[in-house]
Amino acid sequence: MNRNHIRSLFSLIIWGTVTIIFIPLFFTGGGVTEWVLDRERFIASGAIVVAAYILFFIMLAITGRKRANLIERDERDILISRRSSEITLTIMQGYVFLTCIVLYFMYRDSNSVPAGWLWFLGYTGIFVGYISYSAVNLILYGSKDVI
Protein backbone atom coordinates (compact mmCIF):
# COMPACT_ATOMS: atom_id res chain seq x y z
CA MET A 1 0.00 0.00 0.00
CA ASN A 2 1.44 3.38 -0.93
CA ARG A 3 1.09 6.79 0.69
CA ASN A 4 -1.84 7.96 -1.48
CA HIS A 5 -3.75 4.76 -0.81
CA ILE A 6 -3.25 5.01 2.96
CA ARG A 7 -4.11 8.71 3.01
CA SER A 8 -7.31 8.08 1.06
CA LEU A 9 -8.35 5.34 3.44
CA PHE A 10 -7.78 7.43 6.57
CA SER A 11 -9.32 10.52 4.98
CA LEU A 12 -12.44 8.54 4.13
CA ILE A 13 -12.65 7.30 7.72
CA ILE A 14 -12.13 10.78 9.22
CA TRP A 15 -14.56 12.70 6.99
CA GLY A 16 -17.10 9.87 6.85
CA THR A 17 -17.24 9.82 10.64
CA VAL A 18 -17.57 13.60 10.80
CA THR A 19 -20.44 13.48 8.30
CA ILE A 20 -22.22 10.79 10.30
CA ILE A 21 -21.94 12.95 13.43
CA PHE A 22 -22.72 16.28 11.73
CA ILE A 23 -25.93 15.39 9.86
CA PRO A 24 -28.03 14.39 12.92
CA LEU A 25 -26.53 17.25 14.93
CA PHE A 26 -27.57 19.70 12.25
CA PHE A 27 -31.15 18.49 11.86
CA THR A 28 -32.06 17.90 15.52
CA GLY A 29 -33.07 20.53 18.06
CA GLY A 30 -35.23 22.72 15.86
CA GLY A 31 -33.81 21.83 12.48
CA VAL A 32 -32.41 24.12 9.85
CA THR A 33 -34.24 27.31 10.80
CA GLU A 34 -33.05 27.14 14.41
CA TRP A 35 -29.50 25.92 13.77
CA VAL A 36 -27.87 29.34 13.52
CA LEU A 37 -29.67 30.51 16.66
CA ASP A 38 -28.77 27.38 18.67
CA ARG A 39 -25.35 28.33 20.02
CA GLU A 40 -24.54 24.84 21.34
CA ARG A 41 -25.15 23.08 18.02
CA PHE A 42 -23.42 25.89 16.13
CA ILE A 43 -20.27 25.62 18.28
CA ALA A 44 -20.38 21.81 18.40
CA SER A 45 -20.51 21.66 14.60
CA GLY A 46 -17.53 23.96 14.28
CA ALA A 47 -15.62 22.00 16.92
CA ILE A 48 -16.26 18.73 15.09
CA VAL A 49 -14.91 20.17 11.85
CA VAL A 50 -11.86 21.66 13.59
CA ALA A 51 -11.17 18.29 15.25
CA ALA A 52 -11.47 16.57 11.87
CA TYR A 53 -8.98 18.98 10.31
CA ILE A 54 -6.57 18.42 13.20
CA LEU A 55 -6.83 14.64 12.74
CA PHE A 56 -6.48 15.06 8.98
CA PHE A 57 -3.29 17.11 9.28
CA ILE A 58 -1.86 14.72 11.88
CA MET A 59 -2.53 11.88 9.43
CA LEU A 60 -0.77 13.84 6.67
CA ALA A 61 2.22 14.45 8.96
CA ILE A 62 2.44 10.79 10.00
CA THR A 63 2.30 9.62 6.40
CA GLY A 64 4.73 12.30 5.27
CA ARG A 65 7.69 11.52 3.03
CA LYS A 66 10.46 11.50 5.60
CA ARG A 67 8.67 9.65 8.39
CA ALA A 68 6.86 6.82 6.68
CA ASN A 69 8.46 3.83 5.02
CA LEU A 70 5.90 3.81 2.25
CA ILE A 71 6.25 3.12 -1.43
CA GLU A 72 6.97 6.30 -3.39
CA ARG A 73 4.59 7.62 -6.01
CA ASP A 74 4.87 6.34 -9.54
CA GLU A 75 3.12 7.24 -12.80
CA ARG A 76 0.03 5.21 -11.88
CA ASP A 77 -0.33 7.09 -8.58
CA ILE A 78 -0.11 10.43 -10.36
CA LEU A 79 -2.70 9.30 -12.91
CA ILE A 80 -5.03 8.06 -10.17
CA SER A 81 -4.72 11.35 -8.27
CA ARG A 82 -5.43 13.35 -11.42
CA ARG A 83 -8.42 11.19 -12.36
CA SER A 84 -9.78 11.34 -8.80
CA SER A 85 -9.54 15.13 -8.83
CA GLU A 86 -11.42 15.33 -12.13
CA ILE A 87 -14.20 13.06 -10.91
CA THR A 88 -14.40 14.83 -7.54
CA LEU A 89 -14.81 18.20 -9.25
CA THR A 90 -17.75 16.82 -11.22
CA ILE A 91 -19.29 15.32 -8.07
CA MET A 92 -18.91 18.61 -6.19
CA GLN A 93 -20.44 20.65 -9.00
CA GLY A 94 -23.36 18.24 -9.19
CA TYR A 95 -23.82 18.25 -5.41
CA VAL A 96 -23.90 22.04 -5.13
CA PHE A 97 -26.13 22.44 -8.18
CA LEU A 98 -28.65 19.79 -7.10
CA THR A 99 -28.74 21.08 -3.52
CA CYS A 100 -29.42 24.61 -4.72
CA ILE A 101 -32.15 23.44 -7.11
CA VAL A 102 -33.83 21.38 -4.38
CA LEU A 103 -33.70 24.36 -1.99
CA TYR A 104 -35.18 26.59 -4.67
CA PHE A 105 -38.15 24.27 -5.16
CA MET A 106 -38.60 23.83 -1.40
CA TYR A 107 -38.70 27.57 -0.69
CA ARG A 108 -39.83 29.21 -3.92
CA ASP A 109 -43.25 30.10 -2.53
CA SER A 110 -41.82 31.82 0.54
CA ASN A 111 -39.10 33.50 -1.56
CA SER A 112 -36.63 33.00 1.30
CA VAL A 113 -34.22 30.19 2.13
CA PRO A 114 -33.24 29.88 5.83
CA ALA A 115 -29.62 30.85 6.46
CA GLY A 116 -28.96 27.47 8.08
CA TRP A 117 -29.02 25.91 4.61
CA LEU A 118 -26.03 28.02 3.61
CA TRP A 119 -24.10 26.64 6.56
CA PHE A 120 -25.27 23.14 5.66
CA LEU A 121 -24.09 23.53 2.07
CA GLY A 122 -20.76 24.95 3.24
CA TYR A 123 -20.04 22.20 5.75
CA THR A 124 -21.30 19.32 3.63
CA GLY A 125 -19.43 20.67 0.61
CA ILE A 126 -16.22 20.06 2.55
CA PHE A 127 -17.38 16.57 3.52
CA VAL A 128 -18.50 15.64 0.00
CA GLY A 129 -15.20 16.85 -1.43
CA TYR A 130 -12.98 14.86 0.91
CA ILE A 131 -15.19 11.76 0.91
CA SER A 132 -15.64 11.64 -2.85
CA TYR A 133 -11.93 12.19 -3.56
CA SER A 134 -10.94 9.47 -1.10
CA ALA A 135 -13.59 7.03 -2.29
CA VAL A 136 -12.77 7.55 -5.95
CA ASN A 137 -9.06 7.18 -5.17
CA LEU A 138 -9.68 3.86 -3.40
CA ILE A 139 -11.93 2.63 -6.21
CA LEU A 140 -9.29 3.50 -8.81
CA TYR A 141 -6.57 1.78 -6.78
CA GLY A 142 -8.73 -1.33 -6.80
CA SER A 143 -9.30 -1.08 -10.53
CA LYS A 144 -6.94 -2.67 -13.00
CA ASP A 145 -7.80 -0.11 -15.67
CA VAL A 146 -7.40 3.51 -14.53
CA ILE A 147 -7.77 5.25 -17.87
C-alpha atoms as a PDB file:
ATOM      1  CA  MET A   1       0.000   0.000   0.000  1.00  0.00           C
ATOM      2  CA  ASN A   2       1.440   3.375  -0.933  1.00  0.00           C
ATOM      3  CA  ARG A   3       1.092   6.792   0.688  1.00  0.00           C
ATOM      4  CA  ASN A   4      -1.837   7.959  -1.477  1.00  0.00           C
ATOM      5  CA  HIS A   5      -3.754   4.762  -0.811  1.00  0.00           C
ATOM      6  CA  ILE A   6      -3.251   5.009   2.963  1.00  0.00           C
ATOM      7  CA  ARG A   7      -4.109   8.714   3.012  1.00  0.00           C
ATOM      8  CA  SER A   8      -7.309   8.076   1.058  1.00  0.00           C
ATOM      9  CA  LEU A   9      -8.354   5.336   3.440  1.00  0.00           C
ATOM     10  CA  PHE A  10      -7.784   7.430   6.567  1.00  0.00           C
ATOM     11  CA  SER A  11      -9.320  10.520   4.981  1.00  0.00           C
ATOM     12  CA  LEU A  12     -12.445   8.540   4.135  1.00  0.00           C
ATOM     13  CA  ILE A  13     -12.653   7.298   7.721  1.00  0.00           C
ATOM     14  CA  ILE A  14     -12.133  10.781   9.221  1.00  0.00           C
ATOM     15  CA  TRP A  15     -14.557  12.697   6.987  1.00  0.00           C
ATOM     16  CA  GLY A  16     -17.101   9.873   6.852  1.00  0.00           C
ATOM     17  CA  THR A  17     -17.235   9.817  10.643  1.00  0.00           C
ATOM     18  CA  VAL A  18     -17.570  13.601  10.798  1.00  0.00           C
ATOM     19  CA  THR A  19     -20.440  13.483   8.301  1.00  0.00           C
ATOM     20  CA  ILE A  20     -22.224  10.793  10.297  1.00  0.00           C
ATOM     21  CA  ILE A  21     -21.940  12.950  13.426  1.00  0.00           C
ATOM     22  CA  PHE A  22     -22.718  16.281  11.732  1.00  0.00           C
ATOM     23  CA  ILE A  23     -25.932  15.393   9.863  1.00  0.00           C
ATOM     24  CA  PRO A  24     -28.026  14.389  12.921  1.00  0.00           C
ATOM     25  CA  LEU A  25     -26.526  17.248  14.935  1.00  0.00           C
ATOM     26  CA  PHE A  26     -27.568  19.701  12.251  1.00  0.00           C
ATOM     27  CA  PHE A  27     -31.148  18.491  11.855  1.00  0.00           C
ATOM     28  CA  THR A  28     -32.061  17.903  15.521  1.00  0.00           C
ATOM     29  CA  GLY A  29     -33.071  20.530  18.058  1.00  0.00           C
ATOM     30  CA  GLY A  30     -35.229  22.720  15.863  1.00  0.00           C
ATOM     31  CA  GLY A  31     -33.809  21.827  12.480  1.00  0.00           C
ATOM     32  CA  VAL A  32     -32.411  24.121   9.847  1.00  0.00           C
ATOM     33  CA  THR A  33     -34.239  27.311  10.798  1.00  0.00           C
ATOM     34  CA  GLU A  34     -33.054  27.138  14.408  1.00  0.00           C
ATOM     35  CA  TRP A  35     -29.501  25.922  13.765  1.00  0.00           C
ATOM     36  CA  VAL A  36     -27.866  29.344  13.518  1.00  0.00           C
ATOM     37  CA  LEU A  37     -29.669  30.508  16.656  1.00  0.00           C
ATOM     38  CA  ASP A  38     -28.771  27.383  18.667  1.00  0.00           C
ATOM     39  CA  ARG A  39     -25.352  28.330  20.024  1.00  0.00           C
ATOM     40  CA  GLU A  40     -24.537  24.843  21.342  1.00  0.00           C
ATOM     41  CA  ARG A  41     -25.154  23.082  18.015  1.00  0.00           C
ATOM     42  CA  PHE A  42     -23.417  25.886  16.130  1.00  0.00           C
ATOM     43  CA  ILE A  43     -20.268  25.623  18.280  1.00  0.00           C
ATOM     44  CA  ALA A  44     -20.383  21.813  18.402  1.00  0.00           C
ATOM     45  CA  SER A  45     -20.507  21.662  14.598  1.00  0.00           C
ATOM     46  CA  GLY A  46     -17.525  23.958  14.283  1.00  0.00           C
ATOM     47  CA  ALA A  47     -15.616  21.998  16.924  1.00  0.00           C
ATOM     48  CA  ILE A  48     -16.257  18.730  15.088  1.00  0.00           C
ATOM     49  CA  VAL A  49     -14.907  20.165  11.846  1.00  0.00           C
ATOM     50  CA  VAL A  50     -11.857  21.655  13.589  1.00  0.00           C
ATOM     51  CA  ALA A  51     -11.170  18.292  15.252  1.00  0.00           C
ATOM     52  CA  ALA A  52     -11.469  16.574  11.868  1.00  0.00           C
ATOM     53  CA  TYR A  53      -8.982  18.978  10.306  1.00  0.00           C
ATOM     54  CA  ILE A  54      -6.566  18.420  13.203  1.00  0.00           C
ATOM     55  CA  LEU A  55      -6.827  14.639  12.739  1.00  0.00           C
ATOM     56  CA  PHE A  56      -6.484  15.063   8.979  1.00  0.00           C
ATOM     57  CA  PHE A  57      -3.289  17.112   9.283  1.00  0.00           C
ATOM     58  CA  ILE A  58      -1.864  14.719  11.879  1.00  0.00           C
ATOM     59  CA  MET A  59      -2.530  11.879   9.435  1.00  0.00           C
ATOM     60  CA  LEU A  60      -0.765  13.839   6.675  1.00  0.00           C
ATOM     61  CA  ALA A  61       2.216  14.449   8.959  1.00  0.00           C
ATOM     62  CA  ILE A  62       2.437  10.794   9.999  1.00  0.00           C
ATOM     63  CA  THR A  63       2.301   9.618   6.399  1.00  0.00           C
ATOM     64  CA  GLY A  64       4.734  12.300   5.272  1.00  0.00           C
ATOM     65  CA  ARG A  65       7.689  11.523   3.031  1.00  0.00           C
ATOM     66  CA  LYS A  66      10.459  11.498   5.598  1.00  0.00           C
ATOM     67  CA  ARG A  67       8.675   9.652   8.395  1.00  0.00           C
ATOM     68  CA  ALA A  68       6.864   6.816   6.682  1.00  0.00           C
ATOM     69  CA  ASN A  69       8.461   3.826   5.021  1.00  0.00           C
ATOM     70  CA  LEU A  70       5.905   3.810   2.252  1.00  0.00           C
ATOM     71  CA  ILE A  71       6.252   3.121  -1.425  1.00  0.00           C
ATOM     72  CA  GLU A  72       6.975   6.303  -3.386  1.00  0.00           C
ATOM     73  CA  ARG A  73       4.592   7.625  -6.012  1.00  0.00           C
ATOM     74  CA  ASP A  74       4.867   6.335  -9.536  1.00  0.00           C
ATOM     75  CA  GLU A  75       3.120   7.242 -12.799  1.00  0.00           C
ATOM     76  CA  ARG A  76       0.029   5.212 -11.879  1.00  0.00           C
ATOM     77  CA  ASP A  77      -0.333   7.086  -8.579  1.00  0.00           C
ATOM     78  CA  ILE A  78      -0.112  10.425 -10.361  1.00  0.00           C
ATOM     79  CA  LEU A  79      -2.697   9.295 -12.915  1.00  0.00           C
ATOM     80  CA  ILE A  80      -5.027   8.055 -10.172  1.00  0.00           C
ATOM     81  CA  SER A  81      -4.718  11.348  -8.274  1.00  0.00           C
ATOM     82  CA  ARG A  82      -5.427  13.346 -11.415  1.00  0.00           C
ATOM     83  CA  ARG A  83      -8.424  11.192 -12.359  1.00  0.00           C
ATOM     84  CA  SER A  84      -9.777  11.340  -8.798  1.00  0.00           C
ATOM     85  CA  SER A  85      -9.538  15.127  -8.828  1.00  0.00           C
ATOM     86  CA  GLU A  86     -11.420  15.330 -12.125  1.00  0.00           C
ATOM     87  CA  ILE A  87     -14.201  13.055 -10.906  1.00  0.00           C
ATOM     88  CA  THR A  88     -14.398  14.833  -7.537  1.00  0.00           C
ATOM     89  CA  LEU A  89     -14.807  18.203  -9.251  1.00  0.00           C
ATOM     90  CA  THR A  90     -17.752  16.818 -11.217  1.00  0.00           C
ATOM     91  CA  ILE A  91     -19.293  15.319  -8.074  1.00  0.00           C
ATOM     92  CA  MET A  92     -18.905  18.610  -6.186  1.00  0.00           C
ATOM     93  CA  GLN A  93     -20.440  20.648  -8.997  1.00  0.00           C
ATOM     94  CA  GLY A  94     -23.356  18.243  -9.190  1.00  0.00           C
ATOM     95  CA  TYR A  95     -23.825  18.255  -5.414  1.00  0.00           C
ATOM     96  CA  VAL A  96     -23.896  22.043  -5.135  1.00  0.00           C
ATOM     97  CA  PHE A  97     -26.134  22.436  -8.180  1.00  0.00           C
ATOM     98  CA  LEU A  98     -28.653  19.793  -7.098  1.00  0.00           C
ATOM     99  CA  THR A  99     -28.740  21.080  -3.519  1.00  0.00           C
ATOM    100  CA  CYS A 100     -29.425  24.613  -4.724  1.00  0.00           C
ATOM    101  CA  ILE A 101     -32.153  23.436  -7.110  1.00  0.00           C
ATOM    102  CA  VAL A 102     -33.831  21.381  -4.378  1.00  0.00           C
ATOM    103  CA  LEU A 103     -33.695  24.355  -1.993  1.00  0.00           C
ATOM    104  CA  TYR A 104     -35.177  26.591  -4.670  1.00  0.00           C
ATOM    105  CA  PHE A 105     -38.146  24.270  -5.155  1.00  0.00           C
ATOM    106  CA  MET A 106     -38.595  23.826  -1.400  1.00  0.00           C
ATOM    107  CA  TYR A 107     -38.698  27.566  -0.687  1.00  0.00           C
ATOM    108  CA  ARG A 108     -39.829  29.213  -3.920  1.00  0.00           C
ATOM    109  CA  ASP A 109     -43.254  30.099  -2.525  1.00  0.00           C
ATOM    110  CA  SER A 110     -41.818  31.824   0.539  1.00  0.00           C
ATOM    111  CA  ASN A 111     -39.096  33.497  -1.563  1.00  0.00           C
ATOM    112  CA  SER A 112     -36.630  33.003   1.298  1.00  0.00           C
ATOM    113  CA  VAL A 113     -34.222  30.189   2.134  1.00  0.00           C
ATOM    114  CA  PRO A 114     -33.240  29.877   5.827  1.00  0.00           C
ATOM    115  CA  ALA A 115     -29.615  30.846   6.458  1.00  0.00           C
ATOM    116  CA  GLY A 116     -28.960  27.472   8.076  1.00  0.00           C
ATOM    117  CA  TRP A 117     -29.016  25.909   4.615  1.00  0.00           C
ATOM    118  CA  LEU A 118     -26.032  28.018   3.607  1.00  0.00           C
ATOM    119  CA  TRP A 119     -24.101  26.635   6.560  1.00  0.00           C
ATOM    120  CA  PHE A 120     -25.268  23.136   5.663  1.00  0.00           C
ATOM    121  CA  LEU A 121     -24.088  23.525   2.075  1.00  0.00           C
ATOM    122  CA  GLY A 122     -20.756  24.948   3.237  1.00  0.00           C
ATOM    123  CA  TYR A 123     -20.044  22.197   5.747  1.00  0.00           C
ATOM    124  CA  THR A 124     -21.296  19.323   3.633  1.00  0.00           C
ATOM    125  CA  GLY A 125     -19.426  20.674   0.614  1.00  0.00           C
ATOM    126  CA  ILE A 126     -16.220  20.061   2.554  1.00  0.00           C
ATOM    127  CA  PHE A 127     -17.376  16.573   3.515  1.00  0.00           C
ATOM    128  CA  VAL A 128     -18.504  15.639   0.004  1.00  0.00           C
ATOM    129  CA  GLY A 129     -15.200  16.854  -1.432  1.00  0.00           C
ATOM    130  CA  TYR A 130     -12.980  14.864   0.906  1.00  0.00           C
ATOM    131  CA  ILE A 131     -15.185  11.764   0.909  1.00  0.00           C
ATOM    132  CA  SER A 132     -15.638  11.640  -2.854  1.00  0.00           C
ATOM    133  CA  TYR A 133     -11.930  12.188  -3.560  1.00  0.00           C
ATOM    134  CA  SER A 134     -10.944   9.474  -1.099  1.00  0.00           C
ATOM    135  CA  ALA A 135     -13.588   7.029  -2.287  1.00  0.00           C
ATOM    136  CA  VAL A 136     -12.765   7.553  -5.954  1.00  0.00           C
ATOM    137  CA  ASN A 137      -9.057   7.181  -5.165  1.00  0.00           C
ATOM    138  CA  LEU A 138      -9.681   3.864  -3.401  1.00  0.00           C
ATOM    139  CA  ILE A 139     -11.929   2.634  -6.210  1.00  0.00           C
ATOM    140  CA  LEU A 140      -9.292   3.504  -8.811  1.00  0.00           C
ATOM    141  CA  TYR A 141      -6.570   1.776  -6.781  1.00  0.00           C
ATOM    142  CA  GLY A 142      -8.733  -1.332  -6.798  1.00  0.00           C
ATOM    143  CA  SER A 143      -9.302  -1.081 -10.533  1.00  0.00           C
ATOM    144  CA  LYS A 144      -6.939  -2.671 -12.995  1.00  0.00           C
ATOM    145  CA  ASP A 145      -7.795  -0.109 -15.668  1.00  0.00           C
ATOM    146  CA  VAL A 146      -7.403   3.513 -14.529  1.00  0.00           C
ATOM    147  CA  ILE A 147      -7.768   5.247 -17.869  1.00  0.00           C
END
